[in-house]
């Protein structure tokens, strides 16, 4: 009998949309400035990727969004906490 996969709740990273909108720049602009492929950035902003975020990507996003790294990390941590709560996942650390 095949195991049924749990569906995962996906939520856009509205904080990225807000930061980008405040600057009046496109997803493509953010991707180019930060050194991230535009298709990957689109998936990140739309909440479909993000488990692959690393310090290099965060540094690039902070630069592109003209946002202090500490603020960006705090916003991402809040987003991840919300996603864990919505998907009934426990923090493993």
C-alpha atoms as a PDB file:
ATOM      1  CA  UNK A   1       0.000   0.000   0.000  1.00  0.00           C
ATOM      2  CA  UNK A   2       1.460   3.365  -1.031  1.00  0.00           C
ATOM      3  CA  UNK A   3       1.950   5.985   1.657  1.00  0.00           C
ATOM      4  CA  UNK A   4       0.072   9.169   1.095  1.00  0.00           C
ATOM      5  CA  UNK A   5       2.187  12.297   1.265  1.00  0.00           C
ATOM      6  CA  UNK A   6       1.004  15.097   3.492  1.00  0.00           C
ATOM      7  CA  UNK A   7       0.262  18.254   1.600  1.00  0.00           C
ATOM      8  CA  UNK A   8       2.316  21.224   2.647  1.00  0.00           C
ATOM      9  CA  UNK A   9       0.812  24.641   3.168  1.00  0.00           C
ATOM     10  CA  UNK A  10       2.627  27.204   1.045  1.00  0.00           C
ATOM     11  CA  UNK A  11       2.541  30.904   1.850  1.00  0.00           C
ATOM     12  CA  UNK A  12       4.245  33.741  -0.042  1.00  0.00           C
ATOM     13  CA  UNK A  13       7.023  35.656   1.662  1.00  0.00           C
ATOM     14  CA  UNK A  14       5.076  38.898   1.864  1.00  0.00           C
ATOM     15  CA  UNK A  15       7.986  40.568   3.622  1.00  0.00           C
ATOM     16  CA  UNK A  16      10.089  40.165   0.447  1.00  0.00           C
ATOM     17  CA  UNK A  17       7.273  41.539  -1.677  1.00  0.00           C
ATOM     18  CA  UNK A  18       6.938  44.551   0.658  1.00  0.00           C
ATOM     19  CA  UNK A  19      10.669  45.300   0.719  1.00  0.00           C
ATOM     20  CA  UNK A  20      10.864  44.999  -3.059  1.00  0.00           C
ATOM     21  CA  UNK A  21       7.761  47.130  -3.627  1.00  0.00           C
ATOM     22  CA  UNK A  22       9.113  49.888  -1.356  1.00  0.00           C
ATOM     23  CA  UNK A  23      12.109  50.135  -3.700  1.00  0.00           C
ATOM     24  CA  UNK A  24       9.948  49.969  -6.806  1.00  0.00           C
ATOM     25  CA  UNK A  25      11.974  47.139  -8.331  1.00  0.00           C
ATOM     26  CA  UNK A  26      10.980  43.897 -10.014  1.00  0.00           C
ATOM     27  CA  UNK A  27      11.682  40.313  -9.015  1.00  0.00           C
ATOM     28  CA  UNK A  28      14.113  40.212 -11.938  1.00  0.00           C
ATOM     29  CA  UNK A  29      15.996  43.241 -10.539  1.00  0.00           C
ATOM     30  CA  UNK A  30      16.297  41.621  -7.110  1.00  0.00           C
ATOM     31  CA  UNK A  31      17.534  38.402  -8.672  1.00  0.00           C
ATOM     32  CA  UNK A  32      20.148  40.138 -10.814  1.00  0.00           C
ATOM     33  CA  UNK A  33      21.484  42.312  -7.982  1.00  0.00           C
ATOM     34  CA  UNK A  34      21.577  39.428  -5.504  1.00  0.00           C
ATOM     35  CA  UNK A  35      23.100  36.889  -7.886  1.00  0.00           C
ATOM     36  CA  UNK A  36      20.134  34.509  -7.702  1.00  0.00           C
ATOM     37  CA  UNK A  37      18.498  33.016 -10.774  1.00  0.00           C
ATOM     38  CA  UNK A  38      15.226  34.879 -11.484  1.00  0.00           C
ATOM     39  CA  UNK A  39      13.204  31.656 -11.541  1.00  0.00           C
ATOM     40  CA  UNK A  40      14.614  30.625  -8.156  1.00  0.00           C
ATOM     41  CA  UNK A  41      13.901  34.049  -6.653  1.00  0.00           C
ATOM     42  CA  UNK A  42      10.311  33.866  -7.907  1.00  0.00           C
ATOM     43  CA  UNK A  43       9.886  30.508  -6.171  1.00  0.00           C
ATOM     44  CA  UNK A  44      11.424  31.879  -2.959  1.00  0.00           C
ATOM     45  CA  UNK A  45       9.163  34.941  -2.925  1.00  0.00           C
ATOM     46  CA  UNK A  46       6.122  32.762  -3.597  1.00  0.00           C
ATOM     47  CA  UNK A  47       7.019  30.384  -0.754  1.00  0.00           C
ATOM     48  CA  UNK A  48       7.739  27.379  -2.938  1.00  0.00           C
ATOM     49  CA  UNK A  49      11.467  27.340  -2.209  1.00  0.00           C
ATOM     50  CA  UNK A  50      13.429  28.491   0.740  1.00  0.00           C
ATOM     51  CA  UNK A  51      14.805  25.448   2.406  1.00  0.00           C
ATOM     52  CA  UNK A  52      17.787  26.091   0.162  1.00  0.00           C
ATOM     53  CA  UNK A  53      18.371  29.601   1.502  1.00  0.00           C
ATOM     54  CA  UNK A  54      21.916  29.983   2.723  1.00  0.00           C
ATOM     55  CA  UNK A  55      24.030  32.854   3.997  1.00  0.00           C
ATOM     56  CA  UNK A  56      25.214  33.782   0.495  1.00  0.00           C
ATOM     57  CA  UNK A  57      21.662  34.128  -0.771  1.00  0.00           C
ATOM     58  CA  UNK A  58      20.629  36.115   2.310  1.00  0.00           C
ATOM     59  CA  UNK A  59      23.601  38.455   1.887  1.00  0.00           C
ATOM     60  CA  UNK A  60      22.691  38.996  -1.759  1.00  0.00           C
ATOM     61  CA  UNK A  61      19.054  39.649  -0.913  1.00  0.00           C
ATOM     62  CA  UNK A  62      20.015  42.114   1.822  1.00  0.00           C
ATOM     63  CA  UNK A  63      22.107  44.015  -0.714  1.00  0.00           C
ATOM     64  CA  UNK A  64      19.421  43.949  -3.424  1.00  0.00           C
ATOM     65  CA  UNK A  65      16.644  44.967  -1.040  1.00  0.00           C
ATOM     66  CA  UNK A  66      18.796  47.558   0.740  1.00  0.00           C
ATOM     67  CA  UNK A  67      17.878  45.910   4.022  1.00  0.00           C
ATOM     68  CA  UNK A  68      20.152  45.238   7.005  1.00  0.00           C
ATOM     69  CA  UNK A  69      21.082  41.553   7.121  1.00  0.00           C
ATOM     70  CA  UNK A  70      19.886  41.253  10.725  1.00  0.00           C
ATOM     71  CA  UNK A  71      16.428  42.532   9.755  1.00  0.00           C
ATOM     72  CA  UNK A  72      16.228  40.164   6.779  1.00  0.00           C
ATOM     73  CA  UNK A  73      17.254  37.196   8.942  1.00  0.00           C
ATOM     74  CA  UNK A  74      14.684  38.147  11.586  1.00  0.00           C
ATOM     75  CA  UNK A  75      11.915  38.415   8.987  1.00  0.00           C
ATOM     76  CA  UNK A  76      12.899  35.060   7.466  1.00  0.00           C
ATOM     77  CA  UNK A  77      12.980  33.404  10.905  1.00  0.00           C
ATOM     78  CA  UNK A  78       9.463  34.705  11.635  1.00  0.00           C
ATOM     79  CA  UNK A  79       8.315  33.408   8.250  1.00  0.00           C
ATOM     80  CA  UNK A  80       9.829  29.968   8.906  1.00  0.00           C
ATOM     81  CA  UNK A  81       8.264  29.825  12.396  1.00  0.00           C
ATOM     82  CA  UNK A  82       4.870  30.603  10.839  1.00  0.00           C
ATOM     83  CA  UNK A  83       5.345  27.914   8.177  1.00  0.00           C
ATOM     84  CA  UNK A  84       6.334  25.358  10.818  1.00  0.00           C
ATOM     85  CA  UNK A  85       3.212  26.250  12.816  1.00  0.00           C
ATOM     86  CA  UNK A  86       0.924  26.062   9.763  1.00  0.00           C
ATOM     87  CA  UNK A  87       2.388  22.697   8.746  1.00  0.00           C
ATOM     88  CA  UNK A  88       2.453  21.235  12.271  1.00  0.00           C
ATOM     89  CA  UNK A  89       6.222  20.781  12.222  1.00  0.00           C
ATOM     90  CA  UNK A  90       8.315  20.793  15.344  1.00  0.00           C
ATOM     91  CA  UNK A  91      11.576  22.652  15.510  1.00  0.00           C
ATOM     92  CA  UNK A  92      14.364  20.086  15.465  1.00  0.00           C
ATOM     93  CA  UNK A  93      17.038  22.130  17.138  1.00  0.00           C
END
